Amino acid sequence: MGKLNFLILFLLFSKSISAQSEPQVLGYINMPDTVLIDVNNEGLKFIYHKLDKPESMFSLSANYNVPEWSLEKLNPGISDLSISSLAEVKIPVQNKNFQYTITALNALDTLQKVYYEVKKGETLYGISKRVFETELFLVQAYNFLEDTNIQPGQLLHIGYVKKPQILSEVVEYQAYDPINEDQDLENEFVSKGSGGVITIEEKGAATWNAATDEEPFLFALHRTAKKGSVIKITNPDTGRTVHTRVLGKIPPTHYQKHIKVVISQKVADLIGGINKEFFVTLQYHK
C-alpha cells in the first residue's frame, strides 16, 4: 500500500475516534501521547516538561537527547541547584526531530502527537511552511480542514515526535563509589586503546563546574571527544590521573577558548585541582 493511501486511511481512522480522544487543554494537553509545542521570540521551538520528581540537568539532557547548554539557553539561570524549585522546564525541539508522515500504525507506540496553538496574525501557510517546514496539505489533512482558515487559540496537529527515553535507574549516592568507577573506566580506556584506534593527546586548561560542588560523580565536557567515550585526565603538578566519561560538548558560549576540558568537582578533587583553572594533560581515543 502506498504511503499516501496509508496516510488517508490512517486519518480516516483517527477521525473516527477523535470524539473520544480529542485533548482537553488547560495549559497542557491532557493526553499521555500528546504534547503542546511553542515558539519563542527568537524562533526557538520548545515543549514543556513537568518536573514531577527530582531530576537534574544531566537526566533531562539524556532523556531528551539535547545538550545542556540548549536547556540553559531556553531556561535562563537554570542549574542543578535551582531545578528542584521549578514546576516545568522548556525542552528545545528542532524541525529535524519531527515526523510528518506515519507509514505503520504500530509506529504510534513510540511517538507523541505534536500540537501548536495558533497566535494572532498567523496563517496556516506560514505555520506549515515557515515555522515547521512541512507541507500545507499535510497540516490540513491532520486537522481535517477544508480550507486554510484558522483562528487564534486554535490547536493544530502538526506531526509527531519520538517519546522521550526514560532512564530506568538512578544511582543512589550511598551506593556510588567514584574510585571504583575510575578503575572501571581505566580498564575500558586501556581495552579501547589496544584495538588499534588513534589516541589523541592534548595539554591545556581545565576548569570545574561550580554547579557540581555537592555531586560525587565523575564526568567531563570536551570540545571534540566523542560523547560517551572515556577521557584520561592528568594533573602534572600532583601526578594524579582520573579516567572519566565524556557527557558532551563544552557549551560554545559559556567558556573561553583556552579551556580544553570542563570537569565535575569530584574529578578536580581526585586529581588535586585547587584553583578554578589549572593545567592538565588529556588523552582520548578518536
Foldseek 3Di string as FASTA:
>chain_A
DDQVVVQLVVLVVCVVCCVVVVFDDDPFGPDPQAWEWDADPVLWIWTKDFPPDQDALLQLCQQAVHDSVVQCVQPPPDHSVCPVVDGIGIDTDDLVQFDLGDRDPVVSVFKGWYKYFDAPPDWLCCCACPNNNHDSVSQCSNVVNPDGDDDGRDITGRGIGTRTHHDPDDDDPVPDDQVVVQVVLVVVQVVVVVPPFDKDKDKFKEFEDPSQPPPQAKEKAFADADAQFWKWKAAVVQRFIGIHGHHYHDPPPPDDPRHGMYIHPNRCVRRVNDDRMGMIMMMTTD
